[in-house]
Structures are given as structure tokens and as C-alpha cells.
PDB file of N, CA and C in Angstrom:
ATOM      1  N   MET A   1       0.907  -1.028   0.177  1.00  0.00           N
ATOM      2  CA  MET A   1       0.113  -0.032   0.231  1.00  0.00           C
ATOM      3  C   MET A   1       0.953   1.335  -0.058  1.00  0.00           C
ATOM      4  N   ALA A   2       2.262   1.310   0.118  1.00  0.00           N
ATOM      5  CA  ALA A   2       3.036   2.358   0.041  1.00  0.00           C
ATOM      6  C   ALA A   2       2.871   3.272  -1.451  1.00  0.00           C
ATOM      7  N   LEU A   3       2.559   4.266  -1.468  1.00  0.00           N
ATOM      8  CA  LEU A   3       3.317   5.538  -2.200  1.00  0.00           C
ATOM      9  C   LEU A   3       4.361   6.401  -2.441  1.00  0.00           C
ATOM     10  N   ARG A   4       4.802   6.277  -3.724  1.00  0.00           N
ATOM     11  CA  ARG A   4       6.062   6.825  -3.843  1.00  0.00           C
ATOM     12  C   ARG A   4       5.606   8.835  -3.341  1.00  0.00           C
ATOM     13  N   GLN A   5       6.875   9.272  -3.077  1.00  0.00           N
ATOM     14  CA  GLN A   5       6.741  10.620  -3.161  1.00  0.00           C
ATOM     15  C   GLN A   5       6.186  11.110  -4.186  1.00  0.00           C
ATOM     16  N   ASP A   6       6.544  10.989  -5.492  1.00  0.00           N
ATOM     17  CA  ASP A   6       6.248  11.393  -6.506  1.00  0.00           C
ATOM     18  C   ASP A   6       4.148  11.268  -6.201  1.00  0.00           C
ATOM     19  N   ASP A   7       3.540   9.893  -6.303  1.00  0.00           N
ATOM     20  CA  ASP A   7       2.243   9.883  -5.951  1.00  0.00           C
ATOM     21  C   ASP A   7       1.717  10.728  -4.826  1.00  0.00           C
ATOM     22  N   LEU A   8       2.212  10.830  -3.899  1.00  0.00           N
ATOM     23  CA  LEU A   8       1.932  11.984  -2.699  1.00  0.00           C
ATOM     24  C   LEU A   8       1.493  13.493  -3.277  1.00  0.00           C
ATOM     25  N   ASN A   9       2.699  13.798  -3.653  1.00  0.00           N
ATOM     26  CA  ASN A   9       2.536  15.154  -4.626  1.00  0.00           C
ATOM     27  C   ASN A   9       1.610  15.550  -5.111  1.00  0.00           C
ATOM     28  N   ASP A  10       1.161  14.141  -6.235  1.00  0.00           N
ATOM     29  CA  ASP A  10       0.188  14.466  -7.095  1.00  0.00           C
ATOM     30  C   ASP A  10      -1.129  14.294  -6.007  1.00  0.00           C
ATOM     31  N   PHE A  11      -1.134  13.732  -5.413  1.00  0.00           N
ATOM     32  CA  PHE A  11      -2.620  13.666  -4.454  1.00  0.00           C
ATOM     33  C   PHE A  11      -2.708  14.680  -4.094  1.00  0.00           C
ATOM     34  N   SER A  12      -1.986  15.755  -3.583  1.00  0.00           N
ATOM     35  CA  SER A  12      -1.967  16.581  -2.779  1.00  0.00           C
ATOM     36  C   SER A  12      -2.831  17.955  -3.451  1.00  0.00           C
ATOM     37  N   GLU A  13      -2.336  17.652  -4.543  1.00  0.00           N
ATOM     38  CA  GLU A  13      -3.220  18.386  -5.776  1.00  0.00           C
ATOM     39  C   GLU A  13      -4.800  18.411  -5.981  1.00  0.00           C
ATOM     40  N   GLN A  14      -4.825  17.517  -5.406  1.00  0.00           N
ATOM     41  CA  GLN A  14      -6.449  16.337  -5.907  1.00  0.00           C
ATOM     42  C   GLN A  14      -7.026  16.945  -4.185  1.00  0.00           C
ATOM     43  N   ARG A  15      -6.575  16.968  -3.212  1.00  0.00           N
ATOM     44  CA  ARG A  15      -7.662  17.291  -1.892  1.00  0.00           C
ATOM     45  C   ARG A  15      -8.597  18.355  -2.030  1.00  0.00           C
ATOM     46  N   LYS A  16      -9.803  17.780  -1.820  1.00  0.00           N
ATOM     47  CA  LYS A  16     -10.886  18.634  -1.417  1.00  0.00           C
ATOM     48  C   LYS A  16     -11.005  19.711  -0.800  1.00  0.00           C
ATOM     49  N   PHE A  17     -10.373  19.285   0.698  1.00  0.00           N
ATOM     50  CA  PHE A  17     -10.033  19.972   1.712  1.00  0.00           C
ATOM     51  C   PHE A  17      -8.799  20.415   2.087  1.00  0.00           C
ATOM     52  N   PRO A  18      -8.487  21.743   2.148  1.00  0.00           N
ATOM     53  CA  PRO A  18      -7.259  21.954   2.501  1.00  0.00           C
ATOM     54  C   PRO A  18      -6.808  21.439   3.767  1.00  0.00           C
ATOM     55  N   ARG A  19      -5.545  21.170   3.844  1.00  0.00           N
ATOM     56  CA  ARG A  19      -4.856  20.667   5.240  1.00  0.00           C
ATOM     57  C   ARG A  19      -3.794  21.659   6.453  1.00  0.00           C
ATOM     58  N   THR A  20      -4.316  21.885   7.354  1.00  0.00           N
ATOM     59  CA  THR A  20      -3.285  23.049   8.357  1.00  0.00           C
ATOM     60  C   THR A  20      -2.353  22.176   8.964  1.00  0.00           C
ATOM     61  N   GLY A  21      -1.442  22.720   8.823  1.00  0.00           N
ATOM     62  CA  GLY A  21      -0.176  22.328   9.790  1.00  0.00           C
ATOM     63  C   GLY A  21      -0.236  21.714  11.311  1.00  0.00           C
ATOM     64  N   VAL A  22       0.095  20.993  12.045  1.00  0.00           N
ATOM     65  CA  VAL A  22       0.065  21.148  13.155  1.00  0.00           C
ATOM     66  C   VAL A  22       1.041  19.871  14.061  1.00  0.00           C
ATOM     67  N   ALA A  23       1.545  20.465  15.023  1.00  0.00           N
ATOM     68  CA  ALA A  23       2.435  19.183  16.020  1.00  0.00           C
ATOM     69  C   ALA A  23       1.898  18.859  17.119  1.00  0.00           C
ATOM     70  N   TRP A  24       1.021  17.809  17.198  1.00  0.00           N
ATOM     71  CA  TRP A  24      -0.114  17.445  18.474  1.00  0.00           C
ATOM     72  C   TRP A  24       0.333  16.382  18.580  1.00  0.00           C
ATOM     73  N   PRO A  25       0.497  15.813  19.503  1.00  0.00           N
ATOM     74  CA  PRO A  25       0.274  14.287  20.220  1.00  0.00           C
ATOM     75  C   PRO A  25      -1.185  13.634  19.609  1.00  0.00           C
ATOM     76  N   GLY A  26      -0.741  12.691  19.364  1.00  0.00           N
ATOM     77  CA  GLY A  26      -2.519  11.939  19.144  1.00  0.00           C
ATOM     78  C   GLY A  26      -1.680  10.399  19.799  1.00  0.00           C
ATOM     79  N   THR A  27      -3.018   9.196  19.913  1.00  0.00           N
ATOM     80  CA  THR A  27      -2.915   7.680  19.347  1.00  0.00           C
ATOM     81  C   THR A  27      -3.798   7.536  18.308  1.00  0.00           C
ATOM     82  N   LEU A  28      -3.234   6.337  17.950  1.00  0.00           N
ATOM     83  CA  LEU A  28      -3.863   5.412  16.501  1.00  0.00           C
ATOM     84  C   LEU A  28      -4.488   4.302  17.465  1.00  0.00           C
ATOM     85  N   GLU A  29      -5.808   3.972  17.591  1.00  0.00           N
ATOM     86  CA  GLU A  29      -6.267   2.521  17.978  1.00  0.00           C
ATOM     87  C   GLU A  29      -6.359   2.070  17.278  1.00  0.00           C
ATOM     88  N   THR A  30      -6.564   0.672  16.798  1.00  0.00           N
ATOM     89  CA  THR A  30      -6.829  -0.177  16.068  1.00  0.00           C
ATOM     90  C   THR A  30      -7.438  -1.808  16.797  1.00  0.00           C
ATOM     91  N   ASP A  31      -8.439  -2.545  16.293  1.00  0.00           N
ATOM     92  CA  ASP A  31      -8.721  -3.532  17.242  1.00  0.00           C
ATOM     93  C   ASP A  31      -7.430  -4.353  17.501  1.00  0.00           C
ATOM     94  N   ALA A  32      -6.261  -4.275  16.754  1.00  0.00           N
ATOM     95  CA  ALA A  32      -5.212  -4.971  17.113  1.00  0.00           C
ATOM     96  C   ALA A  32      -4.204  -4.273  18.284  1.00  0.00           C
ATOM     97  N   GLU A  33      -4.205  -3.114  18.119  1.00  0.00           N
ATOM     98  CA  GLU A  33      -2.954  -2.461  18.710  1.00  0.00           C
ATOM     99  C   GLU A  33      -3.397  -1.004  18.897  1.00  0.00           C
ATOM    100  N   THR A  34      -2.372  -0.411  19.783  1.00  0.00           N
ATOM    101  CA  THR A  34      -2.321   1.088  20.214  1.00  0.00           C
ATOM    102  C   THR A  34      -0.424   1.810  20.122  1.00  0.00           C
ATOM    103  N   VAL A  35      -0.704   2.642  18.657  1.00  0.00           N
ATOM    104  CA  VAL A  35       0.491   3.257  18.476  1.00  0.00           C
ATOM    105  C   VAL A  35       0.659   5.100  18.911  1.00  0.00           C
ATOM    106  N   GLU A  36       0.877   5.292  19.877  1.00  0.00           N
ATOM    107  CA  GLU A  36       1.458   6.452  19.600  1.00  0.00           C
ATOM    108  C   GLU A  36       2.249   7.497  18.202  1.00  0.00           C
ATOM    109  N   CYS A  37       1.584   8.919  18.474  1.00  0.00           N
ATOM    110  CA  CYS A  37       1.622   9.456  17.194  1.00  0.00           C
ATOM    111  C   CYS A  37       1.962  10.843  17.442  1.00  0.00           C
ATOM    112  N   LYS A  38       2.216  11.651  16.204  1.00  0.00           N
ATOM    113  CA  LYS A  38       2.358  13.031  16.384  1.00  0.00           C
ATOM    114  C   LYS A  38       1.566  13.386  14.817  1.00  0.00           C
ATOM    115  N   VAL A  39       0.591  14.290  15.209  1.00  0.00           N
ATOM    116  CA  VAL A  39      -0.168  14.704  14.077  1.00  0.00           C
ATOM    117  C   VAL A  39       0.343  15.447  13.432  1.00  0.00           C
ATOM    118  N   LEU A  40       0.589  15.664  12.045  1.00  0.00           N
ATOM    119  CA  LEU A  40       1.344  16.668  11.097  1.00  0.00           C
ATOM    120  C   LEU A  40       0.532  17.530  10.414  1.00  0.00           C
ATOM    121  N   ASN A  41      -0.528  17.095  10.050  1.00  0.00           N
ATOM    122  CA  ASN A  41      -1.436  18.161   9.529  1.00  0.00           C
ATOM    123  C   ASN A  41      -2.836  17.555   9.730  1.00  0.00           C
ATOM    124  N   LEU A  42      -3.886  18.741   9.415  1.00  0.00           N
ATOM    125  CA  LEU A  42      -5.348  18.284   9.566  1.00  0.00           C
ATOM    126  C   LEU A  42      -5.946  18.575   8.580  1.00  0.00           C
ATOM    127  N   SER A  43      -7.560  18.066   8.378  1.00  0.00           N
ATOM    128  CA  SER A  43      -7.810  18.764   7.193  1.00  0.00           C
ATOM    129  C   SER A  43      -9.652  18.109   7.858  1.00  0.00           C
ATOM    130  N   ALA A  44     -10.492  18.342   7.205  1.00  0.00           N
ATOM    131  CA  ALA A  44     -12.044  17.957   7.252  1.00  0.00           C
ATOM    132  C   ALA A  44     -12.202  17.248   7.286  1.00  0.00           C
ATOM    133  N   ASN A  45     -11.192  16.482   6.048  1.00  0.00           N
ATOM    134  CA  ASN A  45     -11.652  14.868   5.661  1.00  0.00           C
ATOM    135  C   ASN A  45     -10.406  14.182   6.345  1.00  0.00           C
ATOM    136  N   GLY A  46      -9.495  14.299   6.704  1.00  0.00           N
ATOM    137  CA  GLY A  46      -8.055  13.792   7.137  1.00  0.00           C
ATOM    138  C   GLY A  46      -6.894  14.114   8.063  1.00  0.00           C
ATOM    139  N   ALA A  47      -6.035  13.403   8.356  1.00  0.00           N
ATOM    140  CA  ALA A  47      -5.096  13.985   8.787  1.00  0.00           C
ATOM    141  C   ALA A  47      -4.241  13.218   8.304  1.00  0.00           C
ATOM    142  N   LYS A  48      -2.602  13.372   8.661  1.00  0.00           N
ATOM    143  CA  LYS A  48      -0.880  12.756   8.386  1.00  0.00           C
ATOM    144  C   LYS A  48      -0.616  12.595   9.496  1.00  0.00           C
ATOM    145  N   LEU A  49       0.055  11.741   9.837  1.00  0.00           N
ATOM    146  CA  LEU A  49       0.387  11.136  10.905  1.00  0.00           C
ATOM    147  C   LEU A  49       1.933  10.840  10.773  1.00  0.00           C
ATOM    148  N   GLU A  50       2.560  10.816  12.214  1.00  0.00           N
ATOM    149  CA  GLU A  50       4.069  10.180  12.060  1.00  0.00           C
ATOM    150  C   GLU A  50       4.085   9.257  13.315  1.00  0.00           C
ATOM    151  N   LEU A  51       4.104   7.702  13.162  1.00  0.00           N
ATOM    152  CA  LEU A  51       3.763   7.183  14.183  1.00  0.00           C
ATOM    153  C   LEU A  51       5.243   6.755  14.698  1.00  0.00           C
ATOM    154  N   GLU A  52       4.707   6.409  16.049  1.00  0.00           N
ATOM    155  CA  GLU A  52       6.417   6.255  16.759  1.00  0.00           C
ATOM    156  C   GLU A  52       6.729   4.751  16.422  1.00  0.00           C
ATOM    157  N   ALA A  53       6.115   3.947  15.630  1.00  0.00           N
ATOM    158  CA  ALA A  53       6.199   2.530  15.502  1.00  0.00           C
ATOM    159  C   ALA A  53       5.426   2.119  14.095  1.00  0.00           C
ATOM    160  N   PRO A  54       5.587   1.423  13.466  1.00  0.00           N
ATOM    161  CA  PRO A  54       4.521   0.646  12.435  1.00  0.00           C
ATOM    162  C   PRO A  54       4.070   0.040  13.235  1.00  0.00           C
ATOM    163  N   LEU A  55       2.427   0.028  12.170  1.00  0.00           N
ATOM    164  CA  LEU A  55       0.848  -0.514  12.421  1.00  0.00           C
ATOM    165  C   LEU A  55       1.894  -1.871  12.032  1.00  0.00           C
ATOM    166  N   THR A  56       1.889  -2.962  12.843  1.00  0.00           N
ATOM    167  CA  THR A  56       1.681  -4.502  12.637  1.00  0.00           C
ATOM    168  C   THR A  56       0.815  -5.506  11.744  1.00  0.00           C
ATOM    169  N   GLY A  57      -0.780  -4.911  12.592  1.00  0.00           N
ATOM    170  CA  GLY A  57      -1.681  -5.841  11.891  1.00  0.00           C
ATOM    171  C   GLY A  57      -1.843  -5.138  10.665  1.00  0.00           C
ATOM    172  N   ASN A  58      -3.318  -5.863  10.021  1.00  0.00           N
ATOM    173  CA  ASN A  58      -3.683  -5.768   9.332  1.00  0.00           C
ATOM    174  C   ASN A  58      -4.793  -4.776   8.599  1.00  0.00           C
ATOM    175  N   ASN A  59      -5.082  -3.980   9.790  1.00  0.00           N
ATOM    176  CA  ASN A  59      -6.108  -3.441  10.166  1.00  0.00           C
ATOM    177  C   ASN A  59      -5.972  -1.951   9.973  1.00  0.00           C
ATOM    178  N   TRP A  60      -6.643  -1.408   8.937  1.00  0.00           N
ATOM    179  CA  TRP A  60      -6.363  -0.547   7.847  1.00  0.00           C
ATOM    180  C   TRP A  60      -7.564   0.453   8.713  1.00  0.00           C
ATOM    181  N   ALA A  61      -8.103   0.430   9.978  1.00  0.00           N
ATOM    182  CA  ALA A  61      -8.964   1.452  10.409  1.00  0.00           C
ATOM    183  C   ALA A  61      -8.930   1.409  12.209  1.00  0.00           C
ATOM    184  N   GLY A  62      -9.458   2.662  12.506  1.00  0.00           N
ATOM    185  CA  GLY A  62      -9.561   2.468  13.882  1.00  0.00           C
ATOM    186  C   GLY A  62      -9.617   4.120  14.446  1.00  0.00           C
ATOM    187  N   THR A  63      -9.381   4.243  15.602  1.00  0.00           N
ATOM    188  CA  THR A  63      -9.552   5.618  15.806  1.00  0.00           C
ATOM    189  C   THR A  63      -8.343   6.334  16.511  1.00  0.00           C
ATOM    190  N   LEU A  64      -8.559   7.727  16.186  1.00  0.00           N
ATOM    191  CA  LEU A  64      -7.444   8.682  16.211  1.00  0.00           C
ATOM    192  C   LEU A  64      -8.033   9.515  17.320  1.00  0.00           C
ATOM    193  N   THR A  65      -7.002   9.722  18.255  1.00  0.00           N
ATOM    194  CA  THR A  65      -7.428  10.302  19.686  1.00  0.00           C
ATOM    195  C   THR A  65      -6.555  11.278  19.685  1.00  0.00           C
ATOM    196  N   ILE A  66      -6.705  12.888  19.775  1.00  0.00           N
ATOM    197  CA  ILE A  66      -5.814  13.774  20.304  1.00  0.00           C
ATOM    198  C   ILE A  66      -6.625  14.406  21.219  1.00  0.00           C
ATOM    199  N   PRO A  67      -5.680  14.747  21.976  1.00  0.00           N
ATOM    200  CA  PRO A  67      -6.229  15.271  23.576  1.00  0.00           C
ATOM    201  C   PRO A  67      -6.674  16.334  23.446  1.00  0.00           C
ATOM    202  N   SER A  68      -7.151  17.127  23.955  1.00  0.00           N
ATOM    203  CA  SER A  68      -8.182  17.747  24.212  1.00  0.00           C
ATOM    204  C   SER A  68      -8.742  18.341  22.734  1.00  0.00           C
ATOM    205  N   LEU A  69      -9.173  17.589  21.837  1.00  0.00           N
ATOM    206  CA  LEU A  69      -9.513  17.948  20.989  1.00  0.00           C
ATOM    207  C   LEU A  69     -10.816  16.567  20.422  1.00  0.00           C
ATOM    208  N   GLY A  70     -10.362  15.596  20.606  1.00  0.00           N
ATOM    209  CA  GLY A  70     -11.809  14.204  20.830  1.00  0.00           C
ATOM    210  C   GLY A  70     -11.116  13.159  20.227  1.00  0.00           C
ATOM    211  N   ALA A  71     -11.636  12.532  19.635  1.00  0.00           N
ATOM    212  CA  ALA A  71     -11.762  11.245  18.900  1.00  0.00           C
ATOM    213  C   ALA A  71     -12.211  10.867  17.573  1.00  0.00           C
ATOM    214  N   PHE A  72     -11.726  10.849  16.504  1.00  0.00           N
ATOM    215  CA  PHE A  72     -11.806  10.614  15.146  1.00  0.00           C
ATOM    216  C   PHE A  72     -12.042   8.805  14.753  1.00  0.00           C
ATOM    217  N   LYS A  73     -12.801   8.842  14.367  1.00  0.00           N
ATOM    218  CA  LYS A  73     -12.592   7.566  13.334  1.00  0.00           C
ATOM    219  C   LYS A  73     -12.616   7.409  12.459  1.00  0.00           C
ATOM    220  N   ALA A  74     -11.521   6.471  11.511  1.00  0.00           N
ATOM    221  CA  ALA A  74     -10.504   7.039  10.636  1.00  0.00           C
ATOM    222  C   ALA A  74      -9.850   5.272  10.092  1.00  0.00           C
ATOM    223  N   LYS A  75      -9.547   5.545   8.680  1.00  0.00           N
ATOM    224  CA  LYS A  75      -9.089   4.933   7.850  1.00  0.00           C
ATOM    225  C   LYS A  75      -8.047   4.943   7.027  1.00  0.00           C
ATOM    226  N   VAL A  76      -7.245   4.089   6.893  1.00  0.00           N
ATOM    227  CA  VAL A  76      -5.602   4.311   6.534  1.00  0.00           C
ATOM    228  C   VAL A  76      -5.962   4.519   4.763  1.00  0.00           C
ATOM    229  N   ALA A  77      -5.573   6.001   4.710  1.00  0.00           N
ATOM    230  CA  ALA A  77      -5.752   6.340   3.144  1.00  0.00           C
ATOM    231  C   ALA A  77      -4.448   5.859   2.228  1.00  0.00           C
ATOM    232  N   TRP A  78      -3.095   6.082   2.810  1.00  0.00           N
ATOM    233  CA  TRP A  78      -1.785   5.744   2.530  1.00  0.00           C
ATOM    234  C   TRP A  78      -0.642   5.462   3.467  1.00  0.00           C
ATOM    235  N   SER A  79       0.325   4.908   2.999  1.00  0.00           N
ATOM    236  CA  SER A  79       1.304   4.561   4.057  1.00  0.00           C
ATOM    237  C   SER A  79       2.548   4.971   3.392  1.00  0.00           C
ATOM    238  N   THR A  80       3.847   5.484   3.854  1.00  0.00           N
ATOM    239  CA  THR A  80       5.115   5.596   3.440  1.00  0.00           C
ATOM    240  C   THR A  80       5.689   4.177   2.941  1.00  0.00           C
ATOM    241  N   PRO A  81       6.930   3.966   2.897  1.00  0.00           N
ATOM    242  CA  PRO A  81       7.631   2.601   2.786  1.00  0.00           C
ATOM    243  C   PRO A  81       8.022   2.251   4.004  1.00  0.00           C
ATOM    244  N   LYS A  82       8.347   0.899   4.396  1.00  0.00           N
ATOM    245  CA  LYS A  82       8.138   0.534   5.892  1.00  0.00           C
ATOM    246  C   LYS A  82       9.644   1.543   6.154  1.00  0.00           C
ATOM    247  N   GLY A  83       9.600   1.753   7.558  1.00  0.00           N
ATOM    248  CA  GLY A  83      10.908   2.643   8.077  1.00  0.00           C
ATOM    249  C   GLY A  83      10.563   4.054   8.129  1.00  0.00           C
ATOM    250  N   ALA A  84       9.350   4.653   7.576  1.00  0.00           N
ATOM    251  CA  ALA A  84       9.323   5.800   7.360  1.00  0.00           C
ATOM    252  C   ALA A  84       7.953   6.667   8.213  1.00  0.00           C
ATOM    253  N   ASN A  85       7.327   5.899   8.805  1.00  0.00           N
ATOM    254  CA  ASN A  85       6.429   5.342  10.024  1.00  0.00           C
ATOM    255  C   ASN A  85       5.469   6.809   9.481  1.00  0.00           C
ATOM    256  N   GLU A  86       4.873   7.068   8.746  1.00  0.00           N
ATOM    257  CA  GLU A  86       4.211   8.193   8.065  1.00  0.00           C
ATOM    258  C   GLU A  86       3.156   7.324   7.207  1.00  0.00           C
ATOM    259  N   ILE A  87       1.803   8.069   7.814  1.00  0.00           N
ATOM    260  CA  ILE A  87       0.196   7.314   7.151  1.00  0.00           C
ATOM    261  C   ILE A  87      -0.574   8.748   7.054  1.00  0.00           C
ATOM    262  N   GLY A  88      -1.576   8.542   6.025  1.00  0.00           N
ATOM    263  CA  GLY A  88      -2.528   9.378   5.795  1.00  0.00           C
ATOM    264  C   GLY A  88      -4.006   8.907   6.131  1.00  0.00           C
ATOM    265  N   LEU A  89      -4.152   9.488   6.812  1.00  0.00           N
ATOM    266  CA  LEU A  89      -5.857   8.855   7.159  1.00  0.00           C
ATOM    267  C   LEU A  89      -7.211   9.840   6.591  1.00  0.00           C
ATOM    268  N   THR A  90      -8.248   9.377   6.695  1.00  0.00           N
ATOM    269  CA  THR A  90      -9.351   9.652   6.044  1.00  0.00           C
ATOM    270  C   THR A  90     -10.595   9.881   7.524  1.00  0.00           C
ATOM    271  N   PHE A  91     -10.877  10.506   7.671  1.00  0.00           N
ATOM    272  CA  PHE A  91     -11.634  10.593   8.916  1.00  0.00           C
ATOM    273  C   PHE A  91     -13.156  10.099   8.142  1.00  0.00           C
ATOM    274  N   GLN A  92     -14.330   9.254   9.005  1.00  0.00           N
ATOM    275  CA  GLN A  92     -15.369   8.706   8.965  1.00  0.00           C
ATOM    276  C   GLN A  92     -16.600   9.394   8.872  1.00  0.00           C
ATOM    277  N   ASP A  93     -16.541  10.579  10.001  1.00  0.00           N
ATOM    278  CA  ASP A  93     -17.132  11.568  10.219  1.00  0.00           C
ATOM    279  C   ASP A  93     -17.429  11.953   9.075  1.00  0.00           C
ATOM    280  N   PRO A  94     -18.822  12.694   8.631  1.00  0.00           N
ATOM    281  CA  PRO A  94     -18.752  14.145   7.581  1.00  0.00           C
ATOM    282  C   PRO A  94     -17.692  15.075   8.038  1.00  0.00           C
ATOM    283  N   PRO A  95     -17.470  15.310   6.757  1.00  0.00           N
ATOM    284  CA  PRO A  95     -16.467  16.794   7.112  1.00  0.00           C
ATOM    285  C   PRO A  95     -16.768  17.829   7.746  1.00  0.00           C
ATOM    286  N   ALA A  96     -18.292  18.051   7.605  1.00  0.00           N
ATOM    287  CA  ALA A  96     -18.735  19.509   8.090  1.00  0.00           C
ATOM    288  C   ALA A  96     -18.946  19.032   9.737  1.00  0.00           C
ATOM    289  N   ALA A  97     -18.766  18.186  10.092  1.00  0.00           N
ATOM    290  CA  ALA A  97     -18.803  17.437  11.606  1.00  0.00           C
ATOM    291  C   ALA A  97     -17.164  17.535  12.117  1.00  0.00           C
ATOM    292  N   VAL A  98     -16.348  17.409  11.168  1.00  0.00           N
ATOM    293  CA  VAL A  98     -15.071  17.472  11.924  1.00  0.00           C
ATOM    294  C   VAL A  98     -14.407  18.845  11.494  1.00  0.00           C
ATOM    295  N   ALA A  99     -15.041  19.373  10.538  1.00  0.00           N
ATOM    296  CA  ALA A  99     -14.345  21.254  10.915  1.00  0.00           C
ATOM    297  C   ALA A  99     -15.492  22.106  11.857  1.00  0.00           C
ATOM    298  N   LEU A 100     -16.267  21.330  12.480  1.00  0.00           N
ATOM    299  CA  LEU A 100     -16.914  22.392  13.398  1.00  0.00           C
ATOM    300  C   LEU A 100     -15.296  22.179  14.737  1.00  0.00           C
ATOM    301  N   PHE A 101     -14.938  20.563  15.109  1.00  0.00           N
ATOM    302  CA  PHE A 101     -13.914  20.516  15.998  1.00  0.00           C
ATOM    303  C   PHE A 101     -13.116  21.542  15.730  1.00  0.00           C
ATOM    304  N   LEU A 102     -12.896  21.009  14.474  1.00  0.00           N
ATOM    305  CA  LEU A 102     -10.842  21.975  14.156  1.00  0.00           C
ATOM    306  C   LEU A 102     -11.374  23.233  14.493  1.00  0.00           C
ATOM    307  N   ALA A 103     -12.759  23.824  14.027  1.00  0.00           N
ATOM    308  CA  ALA A 103     -12.597  25.513  13.815  1.00  0.00           C
ATOM    309  C   ALA A 103     -12.002  25.968  15.720  1.00  0.00           C
ATOM    310  N   ASP A 104     -12.985  25.044  16.138  1.00  0.00           N
ATOM    311  CA  ASP A 104     -12.357  25.590  17.978  1.00  0.00           C
ATOM    312  C   ASP A 104     -10.777  25.242  18.388  1.00  0.00           C
ATOM    313  N   ALA A 105     -10.109  24.999  17.807  1.00  0.00           N
ATOM    314  CA  ALA A 105      -8.845  23.921  17.998  1.00  0.00           C
ATOM    315  C   ALA A 105      -8.090  24.741  17.113  1.00  0.00           C
ATOM    316  N   LEU A 106      -7.757  25.139  16.134  1.00  0.00           N
ATOM    317  CA  LEU A 106      -6.821  26.192  15.486  1.00  0.00           C
ATOM    318  C   LEU A 106      -7.324  27.265  14.790  1.00  0.00           C
ATOM    319  N   PRO A 107      -6.274  28.245  14.802  1.00  0.00           N
ATOM    320  CA  PRO A 107      -6.133  29.735  14.802  1.00  0.00           C
ATOM    321  C   PRO A 107      -7.386  30.113  13.906  1.00  0.00           C
ATOM    322  N   LYS A 108      -8.385  31.537  13.903  1.00  0.00           N
ATOM    323  CA  LYS A 108      -9.217  31.393  13.068  1.00  0.00           C
ATOM    324  C   LYS A 108      -9.122  31.164  11.641  1.00  0.00           C
ATOM    325  N   ALA A 109      -8.160  31.711  11.427  1.00  0.00           N
ATOM    326  CA  ALA A 109      -7.650  32.361  10.153  1.00  0.00           C
ATOM    327  C   ALA A 109      -7.498  30.675   9.317  1.00  0.00           C
ATOM    328  N   ARG A 110      -6.719  29.855  10.106  1.00  0.00           N
ATOM    329  CA  ARG A 110      -6.769  28.485   9.250  1.00  0.00           C
ATOM    330  C   ARG A 110      -7.802  27.993   9.347  1.00  0.00           C
ATOM    331  N   ALA A 111      -8.586  28.007  10.482  1.00  0.00           N
ATOM    332  CA  ALA A 111     -10.070  27.307  10.376  1.00  0.00           C
ATOM    333  C   ALA A 111     -11.003  27.291   9.676  1.00  0.00           C
ATOM    334  N   ALA A 112     -11.200  28.738   9.252  1.00  0.00           N
ATOM    335  CA  ALA A 112     -11.872  28.963   8.138  1.00  0.00           C
ATOM    336  C   ALA A 112     -11.644  28.426   6.692  1.00  0.00           C
ATOM    337  N   SER A 113     -10.313  27.848   6.799  1.00  0.00           N
ATOM    338  CA  SER A 113      -9.492  27.019   5.408  1.00  0.00           C
ATOM    339  C   SER A 113     -10.004  25.641   5.353  1.00  0.00           C
ATOM    340  N   VAL A 114     -10.649  25.018   6.615  1.00  0.00           N
ATOM    341  CA  VAL A 114     -10.734  23.804   6.644  1.00  0.00           C
ATOM    342  C   VAL A 114     -12.139  22.923   6.412  1.00  0.00           C
ATOM    343  N   ALA A 115     -12.858  23.959   6.583  1.00  0.00           N
ATOM    344  CA  ALA A 115     -14.580  24.006   6.088  1.00  0.00           C
ATOM    345  C   ALA A 115     -15.014  23.946   5.021  1.00  0.00           C
TER     346      ALA A 115
END
């Protein structure tokens, strides 16, 4: 499921929801494991994470919890080659609902761009 960097760059041009860079701690929990992570960016539709350890199971769905923001059901949309430990998530909640959570947590100028 690993994508090349060129593929990731091409995909970023097709995003429907702009992403906002952050550096927040988080936890990704699947049925098989729990992995600590750093949330690198967010949008109303998903997030990019840097995992402390790669996912070992084949379960590509779970819950991303960001302290003081909440928990979001998500599916893994992409991952970097083994060793890089970065993944992209697609949130399962409607983007409008996620944007409401983000509007309170992000600076006002940035929050308007994710809605």
C-alpha cells in the first residue's frame, strides 16, 4: 500500500479540503494495537501522522485520539515505505462535523480554510 513521494505530491493537488499543519500528540488505536503518534496536519477529511512504531496488523481502520480535541474514526488511506512510519488517514465522520471540532482548536484564519 506504500506510495511513492511523487504519488503523494500528485494527490495533494487533488485534495478537496485544505490541510493545516500542526504538531500535536495523538494515539491511533485499532482492534489489534495502540500506537502513539504525532499529528502533522489536519483537514476536515483526514490527517497525516508520524507513528512512533509502524502498524503491525492488517487492520487499516481505527480511532485517532487527539488530547483536548477528541476522537475521530478513521481509515488509513496511504502509508510510506517501511521505516518512514508516516500514514494518511481519512476520517469516517462527515467533513462538516469534523470542521466544527477543528474550528475551535485551530487559529481562526486557519479554521476557515478547513471548512
